[in-house]
C-alpha cells in the first residue's frame, strides 16, 4: 500500500511552498523510486520483508535495456560499466525530472517463502546514470541596463556532448553571489546583495534585479 502526504513550509509575507511526499510499503524495496549510480555509488542492496534465507530467484528486466546493470543472487543491483544503453523518455513526475537522463525503468522480481509455498514479489525503480555538466558559462560575461529596462534572458551554454537527448544533466539549483560597486551619496550605506535560492530571485536591498529560472 502507499500513503501520499503534502508538506508545506511557510515564510514571511504569506509565501508558502508545498511538496508531495509518497511513502510506499512493499515486500521488497531499494529504499527509493530512483537509484542514482555514479563513480562513488555503484551498488544498492535490497531491503526484504522477511529473512534473506526465505527469498530466491532474483531477476531483473529494464526498459530500455540496461547492459550496464546487474543483479546479484542476494538481490543487490550494481553497475557493470561506465557506459549506458539508453535514456529515460517518460516518467510520471510533475516536472519531468528524469526525462533525457541516461537510465532505465527496471522491475526486480523474486520468490518469497510463505509457509510451504513460494510467492512471487516485485518492485519497480528508475536506475539513473546522470552526466552533470562539467562547466558553466553564458553567451556574454557583461551586460548593461538602465532603470526601467528589461534585458533579454541570458541562457547558459550547453557543453559539447551534453546536448538535450544525449544524457547530459543540466544544473537544477543555483547560487548567485554579487559584488556591489558604485558611488553612494552622503553617509547612506550601499545596499546589500542577497539571493533567495528557493525562488531564484536576486535582491539589491529590497529591490528585485534578476531572476534565475
C-alpha atoms as a PDB file:
ATOM      1  CA  UNK A   1       0.000   0.000   0.000  1.00  0.00           C
ATOM      2  CA  UNK A   2       1.043   3.629  -0.242  1.00  0.00           C
ATOM      3  CA  UNK A   3       0.456   6.889   1.604  1.00  0.00           C
ATOM      4  CA  UNK A   4       0.764  10.328  -0.001  1.00  0.00           C
ATOM      5  CA  UNK A   5       1.314  13.445   2.111  1.00  0.00           C
ATOM      6  CA  UNK A   6       1.755  17.153   1.463  1.00  0.00           C
ATOM      7  CA  UNK A   7       4.404  19.052   3.452  1.00  0.00           C
ATOM      8  CA  UNK A   8       4.124  22.854   3.485  1.00  0.00           C
ATOM      9  CA  UNK A   9       6.720  25.437   4.541  1.00  0.00           C
ATOM     10  CA  UNK A  10       5.574  28.943   5.472  1.00  0.00           C
ATOM     11  CA  UNK A  11       7.723  32.049   5.072  1.00  0.00           C
ATOM     12  CA  UNK A  12       7.158  35.736   5.774  1.00  0.00           C
ATOM     13  CA  UNK A  13       4.876  37.804   3.504  1.00  0.00           C
ATOM     14  CA  UNK A  14       2.489  34.884   3.046  1.00  0.00           C
ATOM     15  CA  UNK A  15       4.923  32.793   0.997  1.00  0.00           C
ATOM     16  CA  UNK A  16       4.049  29.099   1.061  1.00  0.00           C
ATOM     17  CA  UNK A  17       5.902  26.227  -0.599  1.00  0.00           C
ATOM     18  CA  UNK A  18       4.374  22.741  -0.748  1.00  0.00           C
ATOM     19  CA  UNK A  19       5.904  19.401  -1.717  1.00  0.00           C
ATOM     20  CA  UNK A  20       4.268  15.997  -2.045  1.00  0.00           C
ATOM     21  CA  UNK A  21       5.801  13.000  -0.260  1.00  0.00           C
ATOM     22  CA  UNK A  22       4.804   9.443  -1.169  1.00  0.00           C
ATOM     23  CA  UNK A  23       5.519   6.502   1.141  1.00  0.00           C
ATOM     24  CA  UNK A  24       5.229   3.039  -0.395  1.00  0.00           C
ATOM     25  CA  UNK A  25       5.181  -0.125   1.725  1.00  0.00           C
ATOM     26  CA  UNK A  26       6.253  -3.241  -0.208  1.00  0.00           C
ATOM     27  CA  UNK A  27       7.531  -6.757   0.417  1.00  0.00           C
ATOM     28  CA  UNK A  28      10.903  -5.738  -1.062  1.00  0.00           C
ATOM     29  CA  UNK A  29      12.431  -2.330  -1.740  1.00  0.00           C
ATOM     30  CA  UNK A  30      15.617  -0.493  -2.699  1.00  0.00           C
ATOM     31  CA  UNK A  31      14.730   2.467  -0.499  1.00  0.00           C
ATOM     32  CA  UNK A  32      13.804   4.931  -3.240  1.00  0.00           C
ATOM     33  CA  UNK A  33      11.947   5.164  -6.515  1.00  0.00           C
ATOM     34  CA  UNK A  34      15.072   6.471  -8.268  1.00  0.00           C
ATOM     35  CA  UNK A  35      18.502   4.871  -7.794  1.00  0.00           C
ATOM     36  CA  UNK A  36      21.314   7.201  -8.867  1.00  0.00           C
ATOM     37  CA  UNK A  37      24.561   5.482  -9.855  1.00  0.00           C
ATOM     38  CA  UNK A  38      27.870   7.349 -10.000  1.00  0.00           C
ATOM     39  CA  UNK A  39      31.588   6.741  -9.547  1.00  0.00           C
ATOM     40  CA  UNK A  40      31.018   6.923  -5.798  1.00  0.00           C
ATOM     41  CA  UNK A  41      27.811   4.862  -5.664  1.00  0.00           C
ATOM     42  CA  UNK A  42      27.898   1.670  -7.712  1.00  0.00           C
ATOM     43  CA  UNK A  43      25.555  -0.677  -5.836  1.00  0.00           C
ATOM     44  CA  UNK A  44      22.261  -0.708  -3.931  1.00  0.00           C
ATOM     45  CA  UNK A  45      21.215  -3.548  -1.577  1.00  0.00           C
ATOM     46  CA  UNK A  46      17.632  -4.704  -1.350  1.00  0.00           C
ATOM     47  CA  UNK A  47      15.578  -4.477   1.845  1.00  0.00           C
ATOM     48  CA  UNK A  48      13.416  -7.556   2.380  1.00  0.00           C
ATOM     49  CA  UNK A  49      10.256  -8.002   4.428  1.00  0.00           C
ATOM     50  CA  UNK A  50      11.500 -11.269   5.936  1.00  0.00           C
ATOM     51  CA  UNK A  51      14.743 -13.210   6.446  1.00  0.00           C
ATOM     52  CA  UNK A  52      17.022 -13.365   3.390  1.00  0.00           C
ATOM     53  CA  UNK A  53      17.006 -17.188   3.585  1.00  0.00           C
ATOM     54  CA  UNK A  54      13.301 -17.116   2.636  1.00  0.00           C
ATOM     55  CA  UNK A  55      13.999 -15.448  -0.742  1.00  0.00           C
ATOM     56  CA  UNK A  56      15.325 -16.872  -4.001  1.00  0.00           C
ATOM     57  CA  UNK A  57      15.436 -16.451  -7.797  1.00  0.00           C
ATOM     58  CA  UNK A  58      16.102 -12.710  -8.040  1.00  0.00           C
ATOM     59  CA  UNK A  59      15.741 -11.400 -11.583  1.00  0.00           C
ATOM     60  CA  UNK A  60      15.596  -8.009 -13.295  1.00  0.00           C
ATOM     61  CA  UNK A  61      14.209  -6.597 -16.547  1.00  0.00           C
ATOM     62  CA  UNK A  62      14.694  -2.990 -17.699  1.00  0.00           C
ATOM     63  CA  UNK A  63      13.380  -0.733 -20.461  1.00  0.00           C
ATOM     64  CA  UNK A  64      15.299   0.447 -22.334  1.00  0.00           C
ATOM     65  CA  UNK A  65      17.749  -2.430 -21.950  1.00  0.00           C
ATOM     66  CA  UNK A  66      20.448  -1.743 -19.382  1.00  0.00           C
ATOM     67  CA  UNK A  67      23.560  -3.853 -20.058  1.00  0.00           C
ATOM     68  CA  UNK A  68      25.391  -1.668 -17.540  1.00  0.00           C
ATOM     69  CA  UNK A  69      23.268  -3.056 -14.680  1.00  0.00           C
ATOM     70  CA  UNK A  70      23.459  -6.440 -12.976  1.00  0.00           C
ATOM     71  CA  UNK A  71      21.651  -8.123 -10.106  1.00  0.00           C
ATOM     72  CA  UNK A  72      23.288 -10.481  -7.604  1.00  0.00           C
ATOM     73  CA  UNK A  73      21.796 -13.594  -6.087  1.00  0.00           C
ATOM     74  CA  UNK A  74      21.256 -11.553  -2.920  1.00  0.00           C
ATOM     75  CA  UNK A  75      19.148  -9.001  -4.843  1.00  0.00           C
ATOM     76  CA  UNK A  76      21.758  -6.211  -4.826  1.00  0.00           C
ATOM     77  CA  UNK A  77      21.776  -4.114  -8.016  1.00  0.00           C
ATOM     78  CA  UNK A  78      25.141  -2.873  -9.311  1.00  0.00           C
ATOM     79  CA  UNK A  79      26.725  -1.143 -12.294  1.00  0.00           C
ATOM     80  CA  UNK A  80      28.874  -3.165 -14.671  1.00  0.00           C
ATOM     81  CA  UNK A  81      30.489  -0.483 -16.842  1.00  0.00           C
ATOM     82  CA  UNK A  82      30.852   3.260 -17.336  1.00  0.00           C
ATOM     83  CA  UNK A  83      28.535   3.304 -20.365  1.00  0.00           C
ATOM     84  CA  UNK A  84      24.766   3.086 -20.580  1.00  0.00           C
ATOM     85  CA  UNK A  85      22.409   1.880 -23.242  1.00  0.00           C
ATOM     86  CA  UNK A  86      19.576   4.397 -23.332  1.00  0.00           C
ATOM     87  CA  UNK A  87      17.798   7.307 -21.705  1.00  0.00           C
ATOM     88  CA  UNK A  88      14.598   7.660 -19.722  1.00  0.00           C
ATOM     89  CA  UNK A  89      11.964   9.070 -22.085  1.00  0.00           C
ATOM     90  CA  UNK A  90       8.809   9.141 -19.984  1.00  0.00           C
ATOM     91  CA  UNK A  91       8.269   9.359 -16.245  1.00  0.00           C
ATOM     92  CA  UNK A  92       5.192  10.351 -14.261  1.00  0.00           C
ATOM     93  CA  UNK A  93       6.822  13.190 -12.318  1.00  0.00           C
ATOM     94  CA  UNK A  94       5.344  16.703 -12.100  1.00  0.00           C
ATOM     95  CA  UNK A  95       8.450  18.369 -13.564  1.00  0.00           C
ATOM     96  CA  UNK A  96       9.725  15.525 -15.754  1.00  0.00           C
ATOM     97  CA  UNK A  97      12.895  15.464 -13.655  1.00  0.00           C
ATOM     98  CA  UNK A  98      14.302  12.253 -15.171  1.00  0.00           C
ATOM     99  CA  UNK A  99      13.473  12.757 -18.846  1.00  0.00           C
ATOM    100  CA  UNK A 100      16.571  12.587 -21.061  1.00  0.00           C
ATOM    101  CA  UNK A 101      18.936  11.311 -18.350  1.00  0.00           C
ATOM    102  CA  UNK A 102      20.792   8.079 -19.098  1.00  0.00           C
ATOM    103  CA  UNK A 103      18.897   5.322 -17.343  1.00  0.00           C
ATOM    104  CA  UNK A 104      16.169   2.697 -17.391  1.00  0.00           C
ATOM    105  CA  UNK A 105      12.936   1.759 -15.677  1.00  0.00           C
ATOM    106  CA  UNK A 106      13.563  -1.606 -14.028  1.00  0.00           C
ATOM    107  CA  UNK A 107      11.449  -4.294 -12.369  1.00  0.00           C
ATOM    108  CA  UNK A 108      13.082  -6.706  -9.932  1.00  0.00           C
ATOM    109  CA  UNK A 109      11.225  -9.903  -9.068  1.00  0.00           C
ATOM    110  CA  UNK A 110      11.916 -12.706  -6.602  1.00  0.00           C
ATOM    111  CA  UNK A 111      10.176 -15.550  -4.806  1.00  0.00           C
ATOM    112  CA  UNK A 112       9.399 -15.356  -1.093  1.00  0.00           C
ATOM    113  CA  UNK A 113       8.686 -18.400   1.011  1.00  0.00           C
ATOM    114  CA  UNK A 114       5.295 -18.175   2.738  1.00  0.00           C
ATOM    115  CA  UNK A 115       4.638 -21.325   4.698  1.00  0.00           C
ATOM    116  CA  UNK A 116       5.277 -24.282   2.423  1.00  0.00           C
ATOM    117  CA  UNK A 117       4.868 -22.256  -0.789  1.00  0.00           C
ATOM    118  CA  UNK A 118       6.792 -19.577  -2.646  1.00  0.00           C
ATOM    119  CA  UNK A 119       5.034 -16.405  -3.779  1.00  0.00           C
ATOM    120  CA  UNK A 120       6.340 -14.024  -6.432  1.00  0.00           C
ATOM    121  CA  UNK A 121       7.111 -10.459  -5.342  1.00  0.00           C
ATOM    122  CA  UNK A 122       8.303  -7.491  -7.380  1.00  0.00           C
ATOM    123  CA  UNK A 123       9.346  -3.866  -7.076  1.00  0.00           C
ATOM    124  CA  UNK A 124       9.980  -1.092  -9.610  1.00  0.00           C
ATOM    125  CA  UNK A 125      12.585   1.667  -9.662  1.00  0.00           C
ATOM    126  CA  UNK A 126      14.323   4.039 -12.058  1.00  0.00           C
ATOM    127  CA  UNK A 127      18.064   3.422 -12.470  1.00  0.00           C
ATOM    128  CA  UNK A 128      19.876   6.631 -13.437  1.00  0.00           C
ATOM    129  CA  UNK A 129      23.434   7.470 -14.529  1.00  0.00           C
ATOM    130  CA  UNK A 130      23.486  11.275 -14.606  1.00  0.00           C
ATOM    131  CA  UNK A 131      26.125  13.072 -16.662  1.00  0.00           C
ATOM    132  CA  UNK A 132      26.407  16.525 -14.999  1.00  0.00           C
ATOM    133  CA  UNK A 133      27.678  19.489 -16.969  1.00  0.00           C
ATOM    134  CA  UNK A 134      31.450  19.852 -16.394  1.00  0.00           C
ATOM    135  CA  UNK A 135      31.434  23.642 -16.922  1.00  0.00           C
ATOM    136  CA  UNK A 136      29.050  26.583 -16.710  1.00  0.00           C
ATOM    137  CA  UNK A 137      29.295  29.701 -18.871  1.00  0.00           C
ATOM    138  CA  UNK A 138      26.982  32.200 -20.554  1.00  0.00           C
ATOM    139  CA  UNK A 139      26.936  33.723 -24.015  1.00  0.00           C
ATOM    140  CA  UNK A 140      28.035  37.056 -22.555  1.00  0.00           C
ATOM    141  CA  UNK A 141      30.067  37.971 -19.489  1.00  0.00           C
ATOM    142  CA  UNK A 142      28.950  41.629 -19.448  1.00  0.00           C
ATOM    143  CA  UNK A 143      25.539  43.297 -19.605  1.00  0.00           C
ATOM    144  CA  UNK A 144      24.455  46.886 -19.095  1.00  0.00           C
ATOM    145  CA  UNK A 145      20.972  48.089 -18.241  1.00  0.00           C
ATOM    146  CA  UNK A 146      19.286  51.349 -17.228  1.00  0.00           C
ATOM    147  CA  UNK A 147      16.454  51.804 -14.748  1.00  0.00           C
ATOM    148  CA  UNK A 148      13.156  50.574 -16.139  1.00  0.00           C
ATOM    149  CA  UNK A 149      14.769  48.465 -18.867  1.00  0.00           C
ATOM    150  CA  UNK A 150      14.401  44.689 -19.004  1.00  0.00           C
ATOM    151  CA  UNK A 151      17.130  42.568 -20.537  1.00  0.00           C
ATOM    152  CA  UNK A 152      16.503  39.576 -22.775  1.00  0.00           C
ATOM    153  CA  UNK A 153      17.068  36.267 -20.957  1.00  0.00           C
ATOM    154  CA  UNK A 154      20.678  35.068 -20.788  1.00  0.00           C
ATOM    155  CA  UNK A 155      20.925  31.355 -21.473  1.00  0.00           C
ATOM    156  CA  UNK A 156      23.836  29.173 -20.345  1.00  0.00           C
ATOM    157  CA  UNK A 157      25.978  27.497 -22.987  1.00  0.00           C
ATOM    158  CA  UNK A 158      25.427  23.746 -23.270  1.00  0.00           C
ATOM    159  CA  UNK A 159      28.813  21.964 -23.158  1.00  0.00           C
ATOM    160  CA  UNK A 160      29.670  19.926 -26.243  1.00  0.00           C
ATOM    161  CA  UNK A 161      28.480  16.339 -25.871  1.00  0.00           C
ATOM    162  CA  UNK A 162      25.894  17.267 -23.243  1.00  0.00           C
ATOM    163  CA  UNK A 163      23.104  18.423 -25.552  1.00  0.00           C
ATOM    164  CA  UNK A 164      19.478  17.513 -24.919  1.00  0.00           C
ATOM    165  CA  UNK A 165      18.856  13.859 -25.735  1.00  0.00           C
ATOM    166  CA  UNK A 166      22.449  12.768 -25.098  1.00  0.00           C
ATOM    167  CA  UNK A 167      22.023  12.140 -21.365  1.00  0.00           C
ATOM    168  CA  UNK A 168      23.506  15.422 -20.186  1.00  0.00           C
ATOM    169  CA  UNK A 169      22.241  16.674 -16.826  1.00  0.00           C
ATOM    170  CA  UNK A 170      21.836  20.445 -16.713  1.00  0.00           C
ATOM    171  CA  UNK A 171      22.057  22.345 -13.387  1.00  0.00           C
ATOM    172  CA  UNK A 172      18.875  22.262 -11.323  1.00  0.00           C
ATOM    173  CA  UNK A 173      19.801  24.543  -8.422  1.00  0.00           C
ATOM    174  CA  UNK A 174      21.614  27.858  -8.414  1.00  0.00           C
ATOM    175  CA  UNK A 175      23.516  30.194  -6.132  1.00  0.00           C
ATOM    176  CA  UNK A 176      24.333  33.753  -7.201  1.00  0.00           C
ATOM    177  CA  UNK A 177      26.886  35.975  -5.474  1.00  0.00           C
ATOM    178  CA  UNK A 178      27.468  39.594  -6.465  1.00  0.00           C
ATOM    179  CA  UNK A 179      29.840  42.398  -5.531  1.00  0.00           C
ATOM    180  CA  UNK A 180      28.047  45.742  -5.217  1.00  0.00           C
ATOM    181  CA  UNK A 181      30.067  48.663  -6.518  1.00  0.00           C
ATOM    182  CA  UNK A 182      29.089  52.291  -7.120  1.00  0.00           C
ATOM    183  CA  UNK A 183      29.101  55.849  -5.792  1.00  0.00           C
ATOM    184  CA  UNK A 184      26.722  56.346  -2.898  1.00  0.00           C
ATOM    185  CA  UNK A 185      25.931  59.900  -1.813  1.00  0.00           C
ATOM    186  CA  UNK A 186      26.285  61.054   1.770  1.00  0.00           C
ATOM    187  CA  UNK A 187      26.619  58.666   4.665  1.00  0.00           C
ATOM    188  CA  UNK A 188      23.978  56.271   3.402  1.00  0.00           C
ATOM    189  CA  UNK A 189      25.461  52.740   3.190  1.00  0.00           C
ATOM    190  CA  UNK A 190      25.404  50.858  -0.103  1.00  0.00           C
ATOM    191  CA  UNK A 191      22.543  48.353  -0.458  1.00  0.00           C
ATOM    192  CA  UNK A 192      23.378  44.746   0.314  1.00  0.00           C
ATOM    193  CA  UNK A 193      23.046  41.854  -2.133  1.00  0.00           C
ATOM    194  CA  UNK A 194      21.080  38.702  -1.355  1.00  0.00           C
ATOM    195  CA  UNK A 195      19.800  35.736  -3.342  1.00  0.00           C
ATOM    196  CA  UNK A 196      16.768  33.622  -2.480  1.00  0.00           C
ATOM    197  CA  UNK A 197      17.602  30.153  -3.840  1.00  0.00           C
ATOM    198  CA  UNK A 198      14.058  28.900  -3.189  1.00  0.00           C
ATOM    199  CA  UNK A 199      12.510  31.469  -5.508  1.00  0.00           C
ATOM    200  CA  UNK A 200      15.525  32.167  -7.721  1.00  0.00           C
ATOM    201  CA  UNK A 201      15.352  35.920  -7.103  1.00  0.00           C
ATOM    202  CA  UNK A 202      18.302  38.270  -6.573  1.00  0.00           C
ATOM    203  CA  UNK A 203      17.723  41.335  -4.403  1.00  0.00           C
ATOM    204  CA  UNK A 204      19.685  44.566  -4.135  1.00  0.00           C
ATOM    205  CA  UNK A 205      18.429  45.921  -0.876  1.00  0.00           C
ATOM    206  CA  UNK A 206      14.688  45.299  -1.165  1.00  0.00           C
ATOM    207  CA  UNK A 207      14.590  45.573  -4.983  1.00  0.00           C
ATOM    208  CA  UNK A 208      14.423  42.528  -7.246  1.00  0.00           C
ATOM    209  CA  UNK A 209      17.018  42.952 -10.003  1.00  0.00           C
ATOM    210  CA  UNK A 210      17.379  39.455 -11.506  1.00  0.00           C
ATOM    211  CA  UNK A 211      15.693  36.098 -11.657  1.00  0.00           C
ATOM    212  CA  UNK A 212      17.170  32.642 -12.317  1.00  0.00           C
ATOM    213  CA  UNK A 213      14.706  30.157 -13.778  1.00  0.00           C
END
